[in-house]
Amino acid sequence: MKDEDVVRDIFWCHPDVVKLTNACNLVFLIDSTYKTNRYRLSLLDVIGVTPTRMTFSVAFAYLEGERLNNVVWTLQRFRGLFLRRDALSGVIVTDRDLALMNVVKTVFMWLYMLLKLPHTPQT
């Protein structure tokens, strides 16, 4: 099998969610978990927030590696969900993953990025 015939990354978004993403495009949360599943793939998850503070899953991406180009590819696919340039998100919330933060700044140069606190266990 040739190397270019191998699927390395998968980006998935339900078609109905594209409409919701364009209608509720103010705030998105992006989080990534690294190789915690049985296939040792990274999972990047994008969550949207409606004006009534309800959340919805926008997209999931399984990434072969934690390389910069994998995350850039994924966020470019996410940016492609927006049907109009003026519908692009204004705020993206993420954790303190420096690689993810840098890619967000590169792909979404015009937006305001917030940092969320790291996960803390509840007692």
C-alpha atoms as a PDB file:
ATOM      1  CA  MET A   1       0.000   0.000   0.000  1.00  0.00           C
ATOM      2  CA  LYS A   2       1.329   3.422  -0.924  1.00  0.00           C
ATOM      3  CA  ASP A   3       1.844   5.965   1.832  1.00  0.00           C
ATOM      4  CA  GLU A   4      -0.467   8.494   0.137  1.00  0.00           C
ATOM      5  CA  ASP A   5      -3.311   5.906   0.160  1.00  0.00           C
ATOM      6  CA  VAL A   6      -3.410   5.749   3.965  1.00  0.00           C
ATOM      7  CA  VAL A   7      -6.014   7.766   5.894  1.00  0.00           C
ATOM      8  CA  ARG A   8      -4.138   9.714   8.542  1.00  0.00           C
ATOM      9  CA  ASP A   9      -6.699  12.200   9.908  1.00  0.00           C
ATOM     10  CA  ILE A  10     -10.489  12.177   9.992  1.00  0.00           C
ATOM     11  CA  PHE A  11     -12.681  15.281  10.356  1.00  0.00           C
ATOM     12  CA  TRP A  12     -16.380  14.654  10.954  1.00  0.00           C
ATOM     13  CA  CYS A  13     -19.286  17.085  11.148  1.00  0.00           C
ATOM     14  CA  HIS A  14     -22.970  16.306  10.681  1.00  0.00           C
ATOM     15  CA  PRO A  15     -24.545  18.282   7.796  1.00  0.00           C
ATOM     16  CA  ASP A  16     -27.326  19.661  10.027  1.00  0.00           C
ATOM     17  CA  VAL A  17     -24.717  21.059  12.409  1.00  0.00           C
ATOM     18  CA  VAL A  18     -23.275  23.252   9.634  1.00  0.00           C
ATOM     19  CA  LYS A  19     -26.526  25.262   9.681  1.00  0.00           C
ATOM     20  CA  LEU A  20     -26.443  25.530  13.470  1.00  0.00           C
ATOM     21  CA  THR A  21     -22.757  26.487  13.395  1.00  0.00           C
ATOM     22  CA  ASN A  22     -23.499  29.359  11.022  1.00  0.00           C
ATOM     23  CA  ALA A  23     -26.519  30.502  13.058  1.00  0.00           C
ATOM     24  CA  CYS A  24     -24.790  30.259  16.466  1.00  0.00           C
ATOM     25  CA  ASN A  25     -21.306  31.406  15.604  1.00  0.00           C
ATOM     26  CA  LEU A  26     -20.279  33.618  18.520  1.00  0.00           C
ATOM     27  CA  VAL A  27     -18.345  31.277  20.817  1.00  0.00           C
ATOM     28  CA  PHE A  28     -16.645  27.923  20.214  1.00  0.00           C
ATOM     29  CA  LEU A  29     -14.678  25.718  22.576  1.00  0.00           C
ATOM     30  CA  ILE A  30     -11.852  23.591  21.183  1.00  0.00           C
ATOM     31  CA  ASP A  31     -10.215  20.883  23.232  1.00  0.00           C
ATOM     32  CA  SER A  32      -7.788  18.131  22.394  1.00  0.00           C
ATOM     33  CA  THR A  33      -6.980  14.876  24.124  1.00  0.00           C
ATOM     34  CA  TYR A  34      -3.817  13.104  23.197  1.00  0.00           C
ATOM     35  CA  LYS A  35      -3.757   9.375  22.519  1.00  0.00           C
ATOM     36  CA  THR A  36      -6.168   8.315  25.231  1.00  0.00           C
ATOM     37  CA  ASN A  37      -8.153   5.854  23.091  1.00  0.00           C
ATOM     38  CA  ARG A  38      -7.264   2.296  22.172  1.00  0.00           C
ATOM     39  CA  TYR A  39      -5.995   3.333  18.731  1.00  0.00           C
ATOM     40  CA  ARG A  40      -3.597   5.892  20.220  1.00  0.00           C
ATOM     41  CA  LEU A  41      -5.089   8.715  18.119  1.00  0.00           C
ATOM     42  CA  SER A  42      -5.501  12.293  19.264  1.00  0.00           C
ATOM     43  CA  LEU A  43      -9.080  13.580  19.448  1.00  0.00           C
ATOM     44  CA  LEU A  44      -9.835  17.226  18.740  1.00  0.00           C
ATOM     45  CA  ASP A  45     -13.359  18.274  19.720  1.00  0.00           C
ATOM     46  CA  VAL A  46     -15.134  21.502  18.719  1.00  0.00           C
ATOM     47  CA  ILE A  47     -18.164  22.609  20.760  1.00  0.00           C
ATOM     48  CA  GLY A  48     -20.473  25.509  19.921  1.00  0.00           C
ATOM     49  CA  VAL A  49     -22.536  27.633  22.307  1.00  0.00           C
ATOM     50  CA  THR A  50     -26.011  28.905  21.434  1.00  0.00           C
ATOM     51  CA  PRO A  51     -27.333  32.333  22.548  1.00  0.00           C
ATOM     52  CA  THR A  52     -29.348  30.495  25.218  1.00  0.00           C
ATOM     53  CA  ARG A  53     -26.103  28.968  26.607  1.00  0.00           C
ATOM     54  CA  MET A  54     -26.837  25.480  25.326  1.00  0.00           C
ATOM     55  CA  THR A  55     -23.906  23.600  23.839  1.00  0.00           C
ATOM     56  CA  PHE A  56     -23.737  21.461  20.716  1.00  0.00           C
ATOM     57  CA  SER A  57     -21.047  19.314  19.141  1.00  0.00           C
ATOM     58  CA  VAL A  58     -19.736  20.951  15.989  1.00  0.00           C
ATOM     59  CA  ALA A  59     -17.056  18.522  14.872  1.00  0.00           C
ATOM     60  CA  PHE A  60     -14.668  15.791  15.904  1.00  0.00           C
ATOM     61  CA  ALA A  61     -11.299  15.011  14.416  1.00  0.00           C
ATOM     62  CA  TYR A  62      -9.128  11.989  15.000  1.00  0.00           C
ATOM     63  CA  LEU A  63      -5.532  12.909  14.294  1.00  0.00           C
ATOM     64  CA  GLU A  64      -2.685  10.522  13.636  1.00  0.00           C
ATOM     65  CA  GLY A  65      -0.185  12.709  15.404  1.00  0.00           C
ATOM     66  CA  GLU A  66       0.246  15.805  17.481  1.00  0.00           C
ATOM     67  CA  ARG A  67       2.107  17.557  14.694  1.00  0.00           C
ATOM     68  CA  LEU A  68       1.325  21.130  13.846  1.00  0.00           C
ATOM     69  CA  ASN A  69       0.179  20.339  10.295  1.00  0.00           C
ATOM     70  CA  ASN A  70      -2.463  17.882  11.601  1.00  0.00           C
ATOM     71  CA  VAL A  71      -4.043  20.557  13.792  1.00  0.00           C
ATOM     72  CA  VAL A  72      -3.767  23.225  11.069  1.00  0.00           C
ATOM     73  CA  TRP A  73      -5.550  20.900   8.629  1.00  0.00           C
ATOM     74  CA  THR A  74      -8.328  20.262  11.166  1.00  0.00           C
ATOM     75  CA  LEU A  75      -8.909  23.934  11.997  1.00  0.00           C
ATOM     76  CA  GLN A  76      -8.943  24.807   8.298  1.00  0.00           C
ATOM     77  CA  ARG A  77     -11.734  22.226   7.837  1.00  0.00           C
ATOM     78  CA  PHE A  78     -13.569  23.824  10.775  1.00  0.00           C
ATOM     79  CA  ARG A  79     -13.141  27.296   9.249  1.00  0.00           C
ATOM     80  CA  GLY A  80     -14.547  25.902   5.996  1.00  0.00           C
ATOM     81  CA  LEU A  81     -17.870  25.137   7.726  1.00  0.00           C
ATOM     82  CA  PHE A  82     -18.716  28.838   7.801  1.00  0.00           C
ATOM     83  CA  LEU A  83     -20.724  29.752   4.725  1.00  0.00           C
ATOM     84  CA  ARG A  84     -19.939  33.480   4.804  1.00  0.00           C
ATOM     85  CA  ARG A  85     -16.808  35.345   5.817  1.00  0.00           C
ATOM     86  CA  ASP A  86     -18.834  37.533   8.194  1.00  0.00           C
ATOM     87  CA  ALA A  87     -20.223  34.386   9.873  1.00  0.00           C
ATOM     88  CA  LEU A  88     -16.818  33.385  11.214  1.00  0.00           C
ATOM     89  CA  SER A  89     -16.478  33.020  14.953  1.00  0.00           C
ATOM     90  CA  GLY A  90     -15.322  35.912  17.096  1.00  0.00           C
ATOM     91  CA  VAL A  91     -14.277  33.965  20.206  1.00  0.00           C
ATOM     92  CA  ILE A  92     -12.586  30.596  20.626  1.00  0.00           C
ATOM     93  CA  VAL A  93     -12.030  29.188  24.093  1.00  0.00           C
ATOM     94  CA  THR A  94      -9.276  26.640  24.614  1.00  0.00           C
ATOM     95  CA  ASP A  95      -7.081  25.265  27.345  1.00  0.00           C
ATOM     96  CA  ARG A  96      -3.411  26.087  27.727  1.00  0.00           C
ATOM     97  CA  ASP A  97      -2.235  23.791  24.961  1.00  0.00           C
ATOM     98  CA  LEU A  98       0.381  26.056  23.370  1.00  0.00           C
ATOM     99  CA  ALA A  99       0.442  24.214  20.048  1.00  0.00           C
ATOM    100  CA  LEU A 100      -3.343  24.495  19.718  1.00  0.00           C
ATOM    101  CA  MET A 101      -3.284  28.157  20.745  1.00  0.00           C
ATOM    102  CA  ASN A 102      -0.661  28.973  18.109  1.00  0.00           C
ATOM    103  CA  VAL A 103      -2.593  27.188  15.372  1.00  0.00           C
ATOM    104  CA  VAL A 104      -5.818  28.987  16.350  1.00  0.00           C
ATOM    105  CA  LYS A 105      -3.951  32.308  16.084  1.00  0.00           C
ATOM    106  CA  THR A 106      -2.691  31.311  12.625  1.00  0.00           C
ATOM    107  CA  VAL A 107      -5.950  29.978  11.149  1.00  0.00           C
ATOM    108  CA  PHE A 108      -8.284  32.513  12.838  1.00  0.00           C
ATOM    109  CA  MET A 109      -6.102  35.641  12.879  1.00  0.00           C
ATOM    110  CA  TRP A 110      -8.947  38.098  13.547  1.00  0.00           C
ATOM    111  CA  LEU A 111     -10.570  36.529  16.569  1.00  0.00           C
ATOM    112  CA  TYR A 112     -10.384  36.922  20.291  1.00  0.00           C
ATOM    113  CA  MET A 113      -9.088  33.840  22.077  1.00  0.00           C
ATOM    114  CA  LEU A 114      -9.830  32.994  25.701  1.00  0.00           C
ATOM    115  CA  LEU A 115      -8.045  30.503  27.889  1.00  0.00           C
ATOM    116  CA  LYS A 116     -10.050  28.202  30.040  1.00  0.00           C
ATOM    117  CA  LEU A 117      -8.711  26.796  33.246  1.00  0.00           C
ATOM    118  CA  PRO A 118      -7.208  23.323  33.164  1.00  0.00           C
ATOM    119  CA  HIS A 119      -9.415  20.443  34.233  1.00  0.00           C
ATOM    120  CA  THR A 120      -9.582  20.191  38.016  1.00  0.00           C
ATOM    121  CA  PRO A 121     -10.846  17.117  39.813  1.00  0.00           C
ATOM    122  CA  GLN A 122     -13.913  17.599  41.943  1.00  0.00           C
ATOM    123  CA  THR A 123     -13.851  16.344  45.519  1.00  0.00           C
END
